[in-house]
Amino acid sequence: MTATGNAMNWRAAGACLSADPDLFFPISSSGPAERQIARAKTICAGCRVRRECLEFAITHDQVHGIWGGTTPEDRQRDRRRKRRAAAAAAKRTVAA
């Protein structure tokens, strides 16, 4: 099953389905929002479609909200890490 398609809609299987959607869209990433983010991530941690949710967020460049147990900052850090790793691999290939 992928975020972009399959017979089963992954969203309908999300652990967040019965939670308040606002929980997954905190106003900030600090102060009282830290508890909100922790609660959202706890729900995501037990979700059986967490991977599909995160794949959707990455594929569709979601810059707001908790998706697949990650914050926008988490996803941005991961994108930067992957870009640095790809650049380092390219340099190694050129140097070889």
PDB file of N, CA and C in Angstrom:
ATOM      1  N   MET A   1       0.849  -1.182   0.000  1.00  0.00           N
ATOM      2  CA  MET A   1       0.000   0.000   0.000  1.00  0.00           C
ATOM      3  C   MET A   1       0.891   1.241   0.000  1.00  0.00           C
ATOM      4  N   THR A   2       0.580   2.191  -0.835  1.00  0.00           N
ATOM      5  CA  THR A   2       1.336   3.440  -0.890  1.00  0.00           C
ATOM      6  C   THR A   2       0.393   4.619  -0.697  1.00  0.00           C
ATOM      7  N   ALA A   3       0.985   5.764  -0.451  1.00  0.00           N
ATOM      8  CA  ALA A   3       0.178   6.962  -0.239  1.00  0.00           C
ATOM      9  C   ALA A   3      -0.498   7.410  -1.529  1.00  0.00           C
ATOM     10  N   THR A   4       0.051   7.019  -2.648  1.00  0.00           N
ATOM     11  CA  THR A   4      -0.498   7.502  -3.902  1.00  0.00           C
ATOM     12  C   THR A   4      -1.556   6.584  -4.482  1.00  0.00           C
ATOM     13  N   GLY A   5      -1.770   5.448  -3.891  1.00  0.00           N
ATOM     14  CA  GLY A   5      -2.854   4.623  -4.388  1.00  0.00           C
ATOM     15  C   GLY A   5      -2.793   3.188  -3.958  1.00  0.00           C
ATOM     16  N   ASN A   6      -3.932   2.602  -3.851  1.00  0.00           N
ATOM     17  CA  ASN A   6      -4.172   1.193  -3.609  1.00  0.00           C
ATOM     18  C   ASN A   6      -5.640   1.066  -3.303  1.00  0.00           C
ATOM     19  N   ALA A   7      -6.110  -0.148  -3.237  1.00  0.00           N
ATOM     20  CA  ALA A   7      -7.534  -0.368  -3.003  1.00  0.00           C
ATOM     21  C   ALA A   7      -7.967   0.242  -1.670  1.00  0.00           C
ATOM     22  N   MET A   8      -7.104   0.176  -0.665  1.00  0.00           N
ATOM     23  CA  MET A   8      -7.452   0.701   0.656  1.00  0.00           C
ATOM     24  C   MET A   8      -6.959   2.132   0.812  1.00  0.00           C
ATOM     25  N   ASN A   9      -7.823   3.014   1.248  1.00  0.00           N
ATOM     26  CA  ASN A   9      -7.418   4.388   1.505  1.00  0.00           C
ATOM     27  C   ASN A   9      -6.719   4.426   2.860  1.00  0.00           C
ATOM     28  N   TRP A  10      -5.426   4.706   2.865  1.00  0.00           N
ATOM     29  CA  TRP A  10      -4.653   4.680   4.101  1.00  0.00           C
ATOM     30  C   TRP A  10      -5.181   5.665   5.131  1.00  0.00           C
ATOM     31  N   ARG A  11      -5.741   6.768   4.685  1.00  0.00           N
ATOM     32  CA  ARG A  11      -6.250   7.772   5.631  1.00  0.00           C
ATOM     33  C   ARG A  11      -7.371   7.217   6.503  1.00  0.00           C
ATOM     34  N   ALA A  12      -8.174   6.357   5.938  1.00  0.00           N
ATOM     35  CA  ALA A  12      -9.294   5.772   6.688  1.00  0.00           C
ATOM     36  C   ALA A  12      -8.812   4.823   7.774  1.00  0.00           C
ATOM     37  N   ALA A  13      -7.544   4.398   7.704  1.00  0.00           N
ATOM     38  CA  ALA A  13      -6.995   3.469   8.684  1.00  0.00           C
ATOM     39  C   ALA A  13      -6.108   4.168   9.712  1.00  0.00           C
ATOM     40  N   GLY A  14      -6.017   5.489   9.646  1.00  0.00           N
ATOM     41  CA  GLY A  14      -5.139   6.234  10.537  1.00  0.00           C
ATOM     42  C   GLY A  14      -5.590   6.221  11.987  1.00  0.00           C
ATOM     43  N   ALA A  15      -4.628   6.126  12.887  1.00  0.00           N
ATOM     44  CA  ALA A  15      -4.920   6.175  14.321  1.00  0.00           C
ATOM     45  C   ALA A  15      -5.462   7.548  14.709  1.00  0.00           C
ATOM     46  N   CYS A  16      -5.229   8.543  13.881  1.00  0.00           N
ATOM     47  CA  CYS A  16      -5.658   9.910  14.163  1.00  0.00           C
ATOM     48  C   CYS A  16      -7.111  10.162  13.775  1.00  0.00           C
ATOM     49  N   LEU A  17      -7.734   9.197  13.157  1.00  0.00           N
ATOM     50  CA  LEU A  17      -9.078   9.381  12.612  1.00  0.00           C
ATOM     51  C   LEU A  17     -10.074   9.906  13.644  1.00  0.00           C
ATOM     52  N   SER A  18      -9.956   9.445  14.870  1.00  0.00           N
ATOM     53  CA  SER A  18     -10.919   9.867  15.895  1.00  0.00           C
ATOM     54  C   SER A  18     -10.395  11.024  16.749  1.00  0.00           C
ATOM     55  N   ALA A  19      -9.198  11.502  16.445  1.00  0.00           N
ATOM     56  CA  ALA A  19      -8.616  12.612  17.211  1.00  0.00           C
ATOM     57  C   ALA A  19      -9.021  13.951  16.606  1.00  0.00           C
ATOM     58  N   ASP A  20      -8.929  14.987  17.400  1.00  0.00           N
ATOM     59  CA  ASP A  20      -9.197  16.349  16.922  1.00  0.00           C
ATOM     60  C   ASP A  20      -8.119  16.726  15.905  1.00  0.00           C
ATOM     61  N   PRO A  21      -8.484  17.052  14.682  1.00  0.00           N
ATOM     62  CA  PRO A  21      -7.482  17.401  13.652  1.00  0.00           C
ATOM     63  C   PRO A  21      -6.571  18.555  14.064  1.00  0.00           C
ATOM     64  N   ASP A  22      -7.079  19.482  14.865  1.00  0.00           N
ATOM     65  CA  ASP A  22      -6.262  20.615  15.305  1.00  0.00           C
ATOM     66  C   ASP A  22      -5.040  20.159  16.094  1.00  0.00           C
ATOM     67  N   LEU A  23      -5.132  18.994  16.728  1.00  0.00           N
ATOM     68  CA  LEU A  23      -4.007  18.466  17.489  1.00  0.00           C
ATOM     69  C   LEU A  23      -2.780  18.301  16.598  1.00  0.00           C
ATOM     70  N   PHE A  24      -2.995  17.979  15.334  1.00  0.00           N
ATOM     71  CA  PHE A  24      -1.912  17.695  14.413  1.00  0.00           C
ATOM     72  C   PHE A  24      -1.405  18.926  13.661  1.00  0.00           C
ATOM     73  N   PHE A  25      -1.970  20.084  14.000  1.00  0.00           N
ATOM     74  CA  PHE A  25      -1.551  21.336  13.369  1.00  0.00           C
ATOM     75  C   PHE A  25      -1.318  22.405  14.434  1.00  0.00           C
ATOM     76  N   PRO A  26      -0.257  22.223  15.246  1.00  0.00           N
ATOM     77  CA  PRO A  26       0.029  23.206  16.295  1.00  0.00           C
ATOM     78  C   PRO A  26       0.400  24.558  15.694  1.00  0.00           C
ATOM     79  N   ILE A  27       0.125  25.594  16.446  1.00  0.00           N
ATOM     80  CA  ILE A  27       0.390  26.958  15.986  1.00  0.00           C
ATOM     81  C   ILE A  27       1.882  27.258  15.963  1.00  0.00           C
ATOM     82  N   SER A  28       2.630  26.673  16.888  1.00  0.00           N
ATOM     83  CA  SER A  28       4.074  26.888  16.925  1.00  0.00           C
ATOM     84  C   SER A  28       4.751  25.568  17.264  1.00  0.00           C
ATOM     85  N   SER A  29       6.056  25.619  17.458  1.00  0.00           N
ATOM     86  CA  SER A  29       6.780  24.404  17.828  1.00  0.00           C
ATOM     87  C   SER A  29       7.409  24.516  19.205  1.00  0.00           C
ATOM     88  N   SER A  30       7.030  25.548  19.942  1.00  0.00           N
ATOM     89  CA  SER A  30       7.590  25.730  21.278  1.00  0.00           C
ATOM     90  C   SER A  30       6.488  26.092  22.271  1.00  0.00           C
ATOM     91  N   GLY A  31       6.877  26.178  23.524  1.00  0.00           N
ATOM     92  CA  GLY A  31       5.921  26.524  24.575  1.00  0.00           C
ATOM     93  C   GLY A  31       4.867  25.445  24.733  1.00  0.00           C
ATOM     94  N   PRO A  32       3.605  25.853  24.950  1.00  0.00           N
ATOM     95  CA  PRO A  32       2.521  24.878  25.133  1.00  0.00           C
ATOM     96  C   PRO A  32       2.350  23.935  23.940  1.00  0.00           C
ATOM     97  N   ALA A  33       2.760  24.381  22.764  1.00  0.00           N
ATOM     98  CA  ALA A  33       2.635  23.541  21.572  1.00  0.00           C
ATOM     99  C   ALA A  33       3.499  22.287  21.670  1.00  0.00           C
ATOM    100  N   GLU A  34       4.562  22.331  22.472  1.00  0.00           N
ATOM    101  CA  GLU A  34       5.416  21.154  22.632  1.00  0.00           C
ATOM    102  C   GLU A  34       4.622  19.972  23.174  1.00  0.00           C
ATOM    103  N   ARG A  35       3.715  20.226  24.112  1.00  0.00           N
ATOM    104  CA  ARG A  35       2.872  19.147  24.656  1.00  0.00           C
ATOM    105  C   ARG A  35       1.902  18.648  23.595  1.00  0.00           C
ATOM    106  N   GLN A  36       1.372  19.559  22.800  1.00  0.00           N
ATOM    107  CA  GLN A  36       0.455  19.196  21.724  1.00  0.00           C
ATOM    108  C   GLN A  36       1.179  18.306  20.706  1.00  0.00           C
ATOM    109  N   ILE A  37       2.381  18.685  20.345  1.00  0.00           N
ATOM    110  CA  ILE A  37       3.178  17.908  19.384  1.00  0.00           C
ATOM    111  C   ILE A  37       3.471  16.525  19.954  1.00  0.00           C
ATOM    112  N   ALA A  38       3.834  16.470  21.227  1.00  0.00           N
ATOM    113  CA  ALA A  38       4.121  15.177  21.865  1.00  0.00           C
ATOM    114  C   ALA A  38       2.886  14.281  21.846  1.00  0.00           C
ATOM    115  N   ARG A  39       1.717  14.848  22.099  1.00  0.00           N
ATOM    116  CA  ARG A  39       0.471  14.055  22.074  1.00  0.00           C
ATOM    117  C   ARG A  39       0.200  13.538  20.665  1.00  0.00           C
ATOM    118  N   ALA A  40       0.381  14.392  19.672  1.00  0.00           N
ATOM    119  CA  ALA A  40       0.156  13.972  18.284  1.00  0.00           C
ATOM    120  C   ALA A  40       1.132  12.865  17.904  1.00  0.00           C
ATOM    121  N   LYS A  41       2.400  13.021  18.257  1.00  0.00           N
ATOM    122  CA  LYS A  41       3.398  12.013  17.935  1.00  0.00           C
ATOM    123  C   LYS A  41       3.111  10.688  18.644  1.00  0.00           C
ATOM    124  N   THR A  42       2.536  10.748  19.838  1.00  0.00           N
ATOM    125  CA  THR A  42       2.173   9.527  20.560  1.00  0.00           C
ATOM    126  C   THR A  42       1.095   8.768  19.793  1.00  0.00           C
ATOM    127  N   ILE A  43       0.129   9.487  19.275  1.00  0.00           N
ATOM    128  CA  ILE A  43      -0.916   8.842  18.465  1.00  0.00           C
ATOM    129  C   ILE A  43      -0.284   8.228  17.217  1.00  0.00           C
ATOM    130  N   CYS A  44       0.591   8.965  16.561  1.00  0.00           N
ATOM    131  CA  CYS A  44       1.250   8.468  15.353  1.00  0.00           C
ATOM    132  C   CYS A  44       2.100   7.225  15.643  1.00  0.00           C
ATOM    133  N   ALA A  45       2.719   7.185  16.803  1.00  0.00           N
ATOM    134  CA  ALA A  45       3.616   6.075  17.130  1.00  0.00           C
ATOM    135  C   ALA A  45       2.910   4.721  17.069  1.00  0.00           C
ATOM    136  N   GLY A  46       1.632   4.698  17.390  1.00  0.00           N
ATOM    137  CA  GLY A  46       0.893   3.447  17.363  1.00  0.00           C
ATOM    138  C   GLY A  46       0.084   3.232  16.100  1.00  0.00           C
ATOM    139  N   CYS A  47       0.316   4.023  15.091  1.00  0.00           N
ATOM    140  CA  CYS A  47      -0.496   3.984  13.871  1.00  0.00           C
ATOM    141  C   CYS A  47       0.043   2.968  12.873  1.00  0.00           C
ATOM    142  N   ARG A  48      -0.857   2.185  12.312  1.00  0.00           N
ATOM    143  CA  ARG A  48      -0.433   1.155  11.360  1.00  0.00           C
ATOM    144  C   ARG A  48      -0.182   1.707   9.955  1.00  0.00           C
ATOM    145  N   VAL A  49      -0.582   2.937   9.691  1.00  0.00           N
ATOM    146  CA  VAL A  49      -0.321   3.527   8.366  1.00  0.00           C
ATOM    147  C   VAL A  49       0.612   4.737   8.478  1.00  0.00           C
ATOM    148  N   ARG A  50       1.424   4.736   9.503  1.00  0.00           N
ATOM    149  CA  ARG A  50       2.356   5.840   9.732  1.00  0.00           C
ATOM    150  C   ARG A  50       3.280   6.053   8.541  1.00  0.00           C
ATOM    151  N   ARG A  51       3.800   4.974   7.982  1.00  0.00           N
ATOM    152  CA  ARG A  51       4.722   5.079   6.848  1.00  0.00           C
ATOM    153  C   ARG A  51       4.038   5.715   5.642  1.00  0.00           C
ATOM    154  N   GLU A  52       2.804   5.303   5.353  1.00  0.00           N
ATOM    155  CA  GLU A  52       2.064   5.862   4.221  1.00  0.00           C
ATOM    156  C   GLU A  52       1.778   7.342   4.438  1.00  0.00           C
ATOM    157  N   CYS A  53       1.456   7.702   5.660  1.00  0.00           N
ATOM    158  CA  CYS A  53       1.184   9.094   6.006  1.00  0.00           C
ATOM    159  C   CYS A  53       2.435   9.948   5.785  1.00  0.00           C
ATOM    160  N   LEU A  54       3.561   9.465   6.262  1.00  0.00           N
ATOM    161  CA  LEU A  54       4.809  10.203   6.091  1.00  0.00           C
ATOM    162  C   LEU A  54       5.180  10.289   4.612  1.00  0.00           C
ATOM    163  N   GLU A  55       4.996   9.208   3.887  1.00  0.00           N
ATOM    164  CA  GLU A  55       5.276   9.217   2.441  1.00  0.00           C
ATOM    165  C   GLU A  55       4.421  10.265   1.734  1.00  0.00           C
ATOM    166  N   PHE A  56       3.152  10.356   2.124  1.00  0.00           N
ATOM    167  CA  PHE A  56       2.259  11.364   1.547  1.00  0.00           C
ATOM    168  C   PHE A  56       2.797  12.761   1.832  1.00  0.00           C
ATOM    169  N   ALA A  57       3.176  13.019   3.084  1.00  0.00           N
ATOM    170  CA  ALA A  57       3.667  14.348   3.462  1.00  0.00           C
ATOM    171  C   ALA A  57       4.911  14.728   2.677  1.00  0.00           C
ATOM    172  N   ILE A  58       5.812  13.779   2.499  1.00  0.00           N
ATOM    173  CA  ILE A  58       7.046  14.061   1.770  1.00  0.00           C
ATOM    174  C   ILE A  58       6.752  14.248   0.289  1.00  0.00           C
ATOM    175  N   THR A  59       5.955  13.368  -0.271  1.00  0.00           N
ATOM    176  CA  THR A  59       5.621  13.435  -1.697  1.00  0.00           C
ATOM    177  C   THR A  59       4.896  14.720  -2.053  1.00  0.00           C
ATOM    178  N   HIS A  60       4.039  15.178  -1.148  1.00  0.00           N
ATOM    179  CA  HIS A  60       3.237  16.372  -1.410  1.00  0.00           C
ATOM    180  C   HIS A  60       3.790  17.620  -0.714  1.00  0.00           C
ATOM    181  N   ASP A  61       5.029  17.526  -0.248  1.00  0.00           N
ATOM    182  CA  ASP A  61       5.735  18.658   0.364  1.00  0.00           C
ATOM    183  C   ASP A  61       4.886  19.390   1.406  1.00  0.00           C
ATOM    184  N   GLN A  62       4.334  18.631   2.333  1.00  0.00           N
ATOM    185  CA  GLN A  62       3.536  19.217   3.418  1.00  0.00           C
ATOM    186  C   GLN A  62       4.461  19.985   4.356  1.00  0.00           C
ATOM    187  N   VAL A  63       4.263  21.279   4.446  1.00  0.00           N
ATOM    188  CA  VAL A  63       5.130  22.111   5.283  1.00  0.00           C
ATOM    189  C   VAL A  63       4.477  22.483   6.615  1.00  0.00           C
ATOM    190  N   HIS A  64       3.281  21.990   6.843  1.00  0.00           N
ATOM    191  CA  HIS A  64       2.585  22.241   8.107  1.00  0.00           C
ATOM    192  C   HIS A  64       2.064  20.924   8.651  1.00  0.00           C
ATOM    193  N   GLY A  65       2.016  20.835   9.956  1.00  0.00           N
ATOM    194  CA  GLY A  65       1.366  19.708  10.600  1.00  0.00           C
ATOM    195  C   GLY A  65       2.256  18.517  10.901  1.00  0.00           C
ATOM    196  N   ILE A  66       1.707  17.660  11.746  1.00  0.00           N
ATOM    197  CA  ILE A  66       2.357  16.413  12.128  1.00  0.00           C
ATOM    198  C   ILE A  66       1.866  15.348  11.150  1.00  0.00           C
ATOM    199  N   TRP A  67       2.773  14.740  10.440  1.00  0.00           N
ATOM    200  CA  TRP A  67       2.458  13.700   9.458  1.00  0.00           C
ATOM    201  C   TRP A  67       3.392  12.534   9.715  1.00  0.00           C
ATOM    202  N   GLY A  68       2.827  11.352   9.870  1.00  0.00           N
ATOM    203  CA  GLY A  68       3.668  10.175  10.079  1.00  0.00           C
ATOM    204  C   GLY A  68       4.575  10.293  11.283  1.00  0.00           C
ATOM    205  N   GLY A  69       4.139  11.024  12.276  1.00  0.00           N
ATOM    206  CA  GLY A  69       4.924  11.185  13.496  1.00  0.00           C
ATOM    207  C   GLY A  69       6.070  12.164  13.385  1.00  0.00           C
ATOM    208  N   THR A  70       6.055  13.003  12.356  1.00  0.00           N
ATOM    209  CA  THR A  70       7.128  13.989  12.182  1.00  0.00           C
ATOM    210  C   THR A  70       6.569  15.403  12.105  1.00  0.00           C
ATOM    211  N   THR A  71       7.347  16.334  12.578  1.00  0.00           N
ATOM    212  CA  THR A  71       6.996  17.744  12.481  1.00  0.00           C
ATOM    213  C   THR A  71       7.560  18.288  11.166  1.00  0.00           C
ATOM    214  N   PRO A  72       7.140  19.480  10.761  1.00  0.00           N
ATOM    215  CA  PRO A  72       7.752  20.086   9.569  1.00  0.00           C
ATOM    216  C   PRO A  72       9.272  20.214   9.718  1.00  0.00           C
ATOM    217  N   GLU A  73       9.723  20.536  10.929  1.00  0.00           N
ATOM    218  CA  GLU A  73      11.161  20.664  11.175  1.00  0.00           C
ATOM    219  C   GLU A  73      11.862  19.318  11.022  1.00  0.00           C
ATOM    220  N   ASP A  74      11.238  18.239  11.520  1.00  0.00           N
ATOM    221  CA  ASP A  74      11.806  16.894  11.357  1.00  0.00           C
ATOM    222  C   ASP A  74      11.970  16.560   9.881  1.00  0.00           C
ATOM    223  N   ARG A  75      10.924  16.836   9.111  1.00  0.00           N
ATOM    224  CA  ARG A  75      10.964  16.516   7.681  1.00  0.00           C
ATOM    225  C   ARG A  75      12.000  17.365   6.949  1.00  0.00           C
ATOM    226  N   GLN A  76      12.106  18.631   7.325  1.00  0.00           N
ATOM    227  CA  GLN A  76      13.092  19.508   6.692  1.00  0.00           C
ATOM    228  C   GLN A  76      14.511  19.021   7.014  1.00  0.00           C
ATOM    229  N   ARG A  77      14.747  18.647   8.273  1.00  0.00           N
ATOM    230  CA  ARG A  77      16.055  18.111   8.663  1.00  0.00           C
ATOM    231  C   ARG A  77      16.395  16.863   7.852  1.00  0.00           C
ATOM    232  N   ASP A  78      15.403  15.992   7.660  1.00  0.00           N
ATOM    233  CA  ASP A  78      15.625  14.763   6.902  1.00  0.00           C
ATOM    234  C   ASP A  78      15.945  15.071   5.437  1.00  0.00           C
ATOM    235  N   ARG A  79      15.221  16.031   4.855  1.00  0.00           N
ATOM    236  CA  ARG A  79      15.506  16.424   3.469  1.00  0.00           C
ATOM    237  C   ARG A  79      16.927  16.962   3.334  1.00  0.00           C
ATOM    238  N   ARG A  80      17.336  17.804   4.289  1.00  0.00           N
ATOM    239  CA  ARG A  80      18.698  18.361   4.245  1.00  0.00           C
ATOM    240  C   ARG A  80      19.740  17.256   4.394  1.00  0.00           C
ATOM    241  N   ARG A  81      19.510  16.323   5.302  1.00  0.00           N
ATOM    242  CA  ARG A  81      20.440  15.220   5.522  1.00  0.00           C
ATOM    243  C   ARG A  81      20.585  14.396   4.247  1.00  0.00           C
ATOM    244  N   LYS A  82      19.462  14.117   3.593  1.00  0.00           N
ATOM    245  CA  LYS A  82      19.505  13.332   2.355  1.00  0.00           C
ATOM    246  C   LYS A  82      20.230  14.085   1.241  1.00  0.00           C
ATOM    247  N   ARG A  83      20.014  15.406   1.153  1.00  0.00           N
ATOM    248  CA  ARG A  83      20.711  16.198   0.137  1.00  0.00           C
ATOM    249  C   ARG A  83      22.219  16.202   0.386  1.00  0.00           C
ATOM    250  N   ARG A  84      22.621  16.360   1.663  1.00  0.00           N
ATOM    251  CA  ARG A  84      24.054  16.351   1.989  1.00  0.00           C
ATOM    252  C   ARG A  84      24.675  15.001   1.676  1.00  0.00           C
ATOM    253  N   ALA A  85      23.963  13.930   1.994  1.00  0.00           N
ATOM    254  CA  ALA A  85      24.480  12.589   1.716  1.00  0.00           C
ATOM    255  C   ALA A  85      24.614  12.368   0.216  1.00  0.00           C
ATOM    256  N   ALA A  86      23.642  12.832  -0.563  1.00  0.00           N
ATOM    257  CA  ALA A  86      23.710  12.689  -2.024  1.00  0.00           C
ATOM    258  C   ALA A  86      24.869  13.506  -2.587  1.00  0.00           C
ATOM    259  N   ALA A  87      25.074  14.710  -2.067  1.00  0.00           N
ATOM    260  CA  ALA A  87      26.174  15.555  -2.541  1.00  0.00           C
ATOM    261  C   ALA A  87      27.517  14.916  -2.198  1.00  0.00           C
ATOM    262  N   ALA A  88      27.630  14.356  -1.000  1.00  0.00           N
ATOM    263  CA  ALA A  88      28.876  13.692  -0.602  1.00  0.00           C
ATOM    264  C   ALA A  88      29.138  12.475  -1.475  1.00  0.00           C
ATOM    265  N   ALA A  89      28.098  11.714  -1.783  1.00  0.00           N
ATOM    266  CA  ALA A  89      28.245  10.538  -2.646  1.00  0.00           C
ATOM    267  C   ALA A  89      28.667  10.974  -4.048  1.00  0.00           C
ATOM    268  N   ALA A  90      28.115  12.059  -4.541  1.00  0.00           N
ATOM    269  CA  ALA A  90      28.474  12.557  -5.869  1.00  0.00           C
ATOM    270  C   ALA A  90      29.943  12.989  -5.891  1.00  0.00           C
ATOM    271  N   LYS A  91      30.403  13.627  -4.834  1.00  0.00           N
ATOM    272  CA  LYS A  91      31.812  14.053  -4.761  1.00  0.00           C
ATOM    273  C   LYS A  91      32.735  12.841  -4.756  1.00  0.00           C
ATOM    274  N   ARG A  92      32.349  11.797  -4.026  1.00  0.00           N
ATOM    275  CA  ARG A  92      33.164  10.593  -3.978  1.00  0.00           C
ATOM    276  C   ARG A  92      33.243   9.942  -5.358  1.00  0.00           C
ATOM    277  N   THR A  93      32.139   9.974  -6.085  1.00  0.00           N
ATOM    278  CA  THR A  93      32.087   9.378  -7.419  1.00  0.00           C
ATOM    279  C   THR A  93      32.985  10.153  -8.375  1.00  0.00           C
ATOM    280  N   VAL A  94      32.946  11.480  -8.299  1.00  0.00           N
ATOM    281  CA  VAL A  94      33.769  12.320  -9.166  1.00  0.00           C
ATOM    282  C   VAL A  94      35.247  12.146  -8.831  1.00  0.00           C
ATOM    283  N   ALA A  95      35.564  12.025  -7.546  1.00  0.00           N
ATOM    284  CA  ALA A  95      36.956  11.908  -7.104  1.00  0.00           C
ATOM    285  C   ALA A  95      37.536  10.533  -7.445  1.00  0.00           C
ATOM    286  N   ALA A  96      36.702   9.554  -7.623  1.00  0.00           N
ATOM    287  CA  ALA A  96      37.201   8.183  -7.883  1.00  0.00           C
ATOM    288  C   ALA A  96      37.696   7.968  -9.272  1.00  0.00           C
TER     289      ALA A  96
END
